């Protein structure tokens, strides 16, 4: 009979966390059946090379910018730049709310991106503020934007941790950066 050897819910509930992890690993579809391992390796090498190369290329660019940019600059499209950035921030915050309400895993991306955008917003608000507006930028950064950014980023991290623990891929207390991307 086809159902012979199938574990019951009670048997699964009685398994230890280690036994459950082993069961999940045995049942998951091998990655080689999902994507060609040679292609995957090539894509990984290209992406790693691109990120390392771009990171190294940024060093002379940063040296150049730090020595050539003027201390003051009259910017074009100032309103459009700030309004456009804030529209992007609102869009990601709304996406975070919608995906949270719908209880979708994609919430992780929206929440993390919202947090990063909030940090960028706080930084640029403080760095571009006029001398008489710096205090307002600092207060809003320290009391609103940075705490909200930490809340969003830590929330995304907690959801990822709970998901990994629920899938028996992560032991409680293990740091997320110790979890491999895939076997």
Protein backbone atom coordinates (compact mmCIF):
# COMPACT_ATOMS: atom_id res chain seq x y z
CA UNK A 1 0.00 0.00 0.00
CA UNK A 2 1.27 3.49 -0.89
CA UNK A 3 0.70 4.95 2.58
CA UNK A 4 2.83 2.32 4.35
CA UNK A 5 5.75 3.91 6.14
CA UNK A 6 4.15 7.37 6.37
CA UNK A 7 4.58 9.11 9.69
CA UNK A 8 1.47 10.13 11.56
CA UNK A 9 1.01 13.59 13.08
CA UNK A 10 1.60 12.10 16.51
CA UNK A 11 4.85 10.48 15.38
CA UNK A 12 6.06 13.75 13.85
CA UNK A 13 5.12 15.64 17.03
CA UNK A 14 7.16 13.14 19.05
CA UNK A 15 10.33 13.74 17.01
CA UNK A 16 13.15 15.74 18.56
CA UNK A 17 14.19 18.99 16.87
CA UNK A 18 17.27 17.24 15.46
CA UNK A 19 15.12 14.41 14.04
CA UNK A 20 12.72 16.93 12.49
CA UNK A 21 15.61 18.84 10.89
CA UNK A 22 16.92 15.59 9.46
CA UNK A 23 13.45 14.71 8.14
CA UNK A 24 13.07 18.13 6.48
CA UNK A 25 16.50 17.79 4.88
CA UNK A 26 15.65 14.33 3.58
CA UNK A 27 12.33 15.52 2.15
CA UNK A 28 13.47 18.75 0.54
CA UNK A 29 13.96 18.71 -3.19
CA UNK A 30 17.67 18.57 -4.07
CA UNK A 31 18.90 21.90 -5.38
CA UNK A 32 20.38 20.15 -8.41
CA UNK A 33 16.81 19.30 -9.49
CA UNK A 34 15.76 22.95 -9.22
CA UNK A 35 18.71 24.62 -10.98
CA UNK A 36 21.76 23.36 -12.84
CA UNK A 37 24.68 23.31 -10.32
CA UNK A 38 27.15 24.49 -12.99
CA UNK A 39 24.93 27.47 -13.85
CA UNK A 40 24.39 28.21 -10.17
CA UNK A 41 28.15 28.18 -9.55
CA UNK A 42 28.76 30.48 -12.53
CA UNK A 43 26.06 32.93 -11.39
CA UNK A 44 27.50 32.94 -7.86
CA UNK A 45 31.05 33.63 -9.13
CA UNK A 46 29.82 36.46 -11.36
CA UNK A 47 27.82 38.07 -8.54
CA UNK A 48 30.64 37.75 -6.03
CA UNK A 49 33.16 39.11 -8.53
CA UNK A 50 30.86 42.00 -9.38
CA UNK A 51 30.34 42.95 -5.73
CA UNK A 52 34.04 42.66 -4.85
CA UNK A 53 35.08 44.56 -8.00
CA UNK A 54 32.56 47.35 -7.39
CA UNK A 55 33.58 47.61 -3.72
CA UNK A 56 37.25 47.97 -4.69
CA UNK A 57 36.40 50.46 -7.46
CA UNK A 58 34.57 52.63 -4.93
CA UNK A 59 37.77 53.30 -2.95
CA UNK A 60 39.47 55.57 -5.54
CA UNK A 61 36.07 57.10 -6.35
CA UNK A 62 35.57 58.04 -2.68
CA UNK A 63 39.09 59.54 -2.53
CA UNK A 64 38.36 61.52 -5.70
CA UNK A 65 34.99 62.78 -4.39
CA UNK A 66 36.37 63.76 -1.00
CA UNK A 67 39.02 65.93 -2.62
CA UNK A 68 37.02 67.45 -5.50
CA UNK A 69 33.46 68.05 -4.37
CA UNK A 70 32.69 71.65 -3.39
CA UNK A 71 31.64 72.39 0.17
CA UNK A 72 28.46 73.99 -1.15
CA UNK A 73 26.51 73.29 -4.30
CA UNK A 74 23.26 74.64 -5.66
CA UNK A 75 21.27 71.53 -6.59
CA UNK A 76 18.81 71.25 -9.44
CA UNK A 77 15.43 69.54 -9.00
CA UNK A 78 15.73 69.85 -5.21
CA UNK A 79 11.98 69.48 -4.56
CA UNK A 80 11.59 66.59 -6.99
CA UNK A 81 14.57 64.81 -5.43
CA UNK A 82 13.22 65.04 -1.87
CA UNK A 83 9.59 64.44 -2.75
CA UNK A 84 10.55 61.50 -4.99
CA UNK A 85 12.64 59.97 -2.21
CA UNK A 86 9.83 60.39 0.31
CA UNK A 87 7.32 58.88 -2.15
CA UNK A 88 9.61 55.85 -2.44
CA UNK A 89 9.83 55.66 1.36
CA UNK A 90 6.04 55.87 1.73
CA UNK A 91 5.58 53.19 -0.94
CA UNK A 92 7.85 50.76 0.93
CA UNK A 93 6.27 51.58 4.28
CA UNK A 94 2.81 50.97 2.79
CA UNK A 95 4.06 47.73 1.23
CA UNK A 96 5.34 46.72 4.66
CA UNK A 97 1.92 47.42 6.17
CA UNK A 98 0.03 45.59 3.41
CA UNK A 99 2.31 42.53 3.43
CA UNK A 100 2.17 42.49 7.24
CA UNK A 101 -1.62 42.63 7.17
CA UNK A 102 -1.72 39.85 4.56
CA UNK A 103 0.92 37.89 6.53
CA UNK A 104 3.22 37.40 3.52
CA UNK A 105 6.92 36.52 3.73
CA UNK A 106 7.75 39.24 1.19
CA UNK A 107 7.20 41.58 4.15
CA UNK A 108 10.86 40.93 4.98
CA UNK A 109 12.08 42.78 1.88
CA UNK A 110 9.70 45.70 2.30
CA UNK A 111 10.45 46.13 6.03
CA UNK A 112 14.22 45.92 5.57
CA UNK A 113 14.14 48.36 2.65
CA UNK A 114 11.92 50.76 4.63
CA UNK A 115 14.43 50.68 7.47
CA UNK A 116 17.38 51.40 5.18
CA UNK A 117 15.50 54.23 3.46
CA UNK A 118 14.65 55.75 6.86
CA UNK A 119 18.34 55.73 7.82
CA UNK A 120 19.23 57.36 4.49
CA UNK A 121 16.50 59.95 5.01
CA UNK A 122 17.78 60.80 8.50
CA UNK A 123 21.36 61.09 7.24
CA UNK A 124 20.54 63.35 4.32
CA UNK A 125 18.14 65.45 6.41
CA UNK A 126 20.93 66.15 8.90
CA UNK A 127 23.69 66.64 6.34
CA UNK A 128 21.73 69.02 4.13
CA UNK A 129 20.00 71.02 6.86
CA UNK A 130 20.71 74.72 7.23
CA UNK A 131 22.48 75.65 10.48
CA UNK A 132 19.24 76.86 12.08
CA UNK A 133 17.41 73.63 11.08
CA UNK A 134 20.03 71.09 12.22
CA UNK A 135 18.44 70.65 15.65
CA UNK A 136 15.08 69.74 14.10
CA UNK A 137 16.74 67.24 11.76
CA UNK A 138 18.64 65.67 14.66
CA UNK A 139 15.56 65.44 16.86
CA UNK A 140 13.46 63.84 14.10
CA UNK A 141 16.32 61.47 13.24
CA UNK A 142 16.96 60.40 16.83
CA UNK A 143 13.34 60.24 17.99
CA UNK A 144 11.52 59.07 14.86
CA UNK A 145 13.50 57.92 11.83
CA UNK A 146 16.33 55.88 13.41
CA UNK A 147 14.12 54.14 16.02
CA UNK A 148 11.57 53.31 13.32
CA UNK A 149 14.37 52.05 11.06
CA UNK A 150 15.70 49.81 13.84
CA UNK A 151 12.16 48.56 14.47
CA UNK A 152 11.70 47.70 10.76
CA UNK A 153 15.08 46.04 10.29
CA UNK A 154 14.92 44.08 13.56
CA UNK A 155 11.34 43.06 12.73
CA UNK A 156 12.46 41.68 9.36
CA UNK A 157 15.30 39.86 11.10
CA UNK A 158 12.95 38.37 13.72
CA UNK A 159 10.50 37.16 11.07
CA UNK A 160 13.34 35.52 9.18
CA UNK A 161 14.59 33.87 12.37
CA UNK A 162 11.09 32.58 13.24
CA UNK A 163 10.65 31.25 9.71
CA UNK A 164 13.98 29.45 9.82
CA UNK A 165 13.24 28.01 13.26
CA UNK A 166 9.78 26.90 12.13
CA UNK A 167 11.31 25.11 9.15
CA UNK A 168 13.78 23.47 11.53
CA UNK A 169 16.69 25.05 9.66
CA UNK A 170 17.91 27.08 12.62
CA UNK A 171 18.39 26.21 16.26
CA UNK A 172 17.15 28.79 18.78
CA UNK A 173 20.02 31.09 19.71
CA UNK A 174 22.03 30.52 16.51
CA UNK A 175 22.85 33.71 14.61
CA UNK A 176 21.27 34.11 11.17
CA UNK A 177 24.64 34.71 9.53
CA UNK A 178 25.66 31.18 10.53
CA UNK A 179 22.81 29.72 8.45
CA UNK A 180 24.07 28.72 5.00
CA UNK A 181 22.25 30.08 1.95
CA UNK A 182 21.60 26.53 0.79
CA UNK A 183 23.37 23.19 1.13
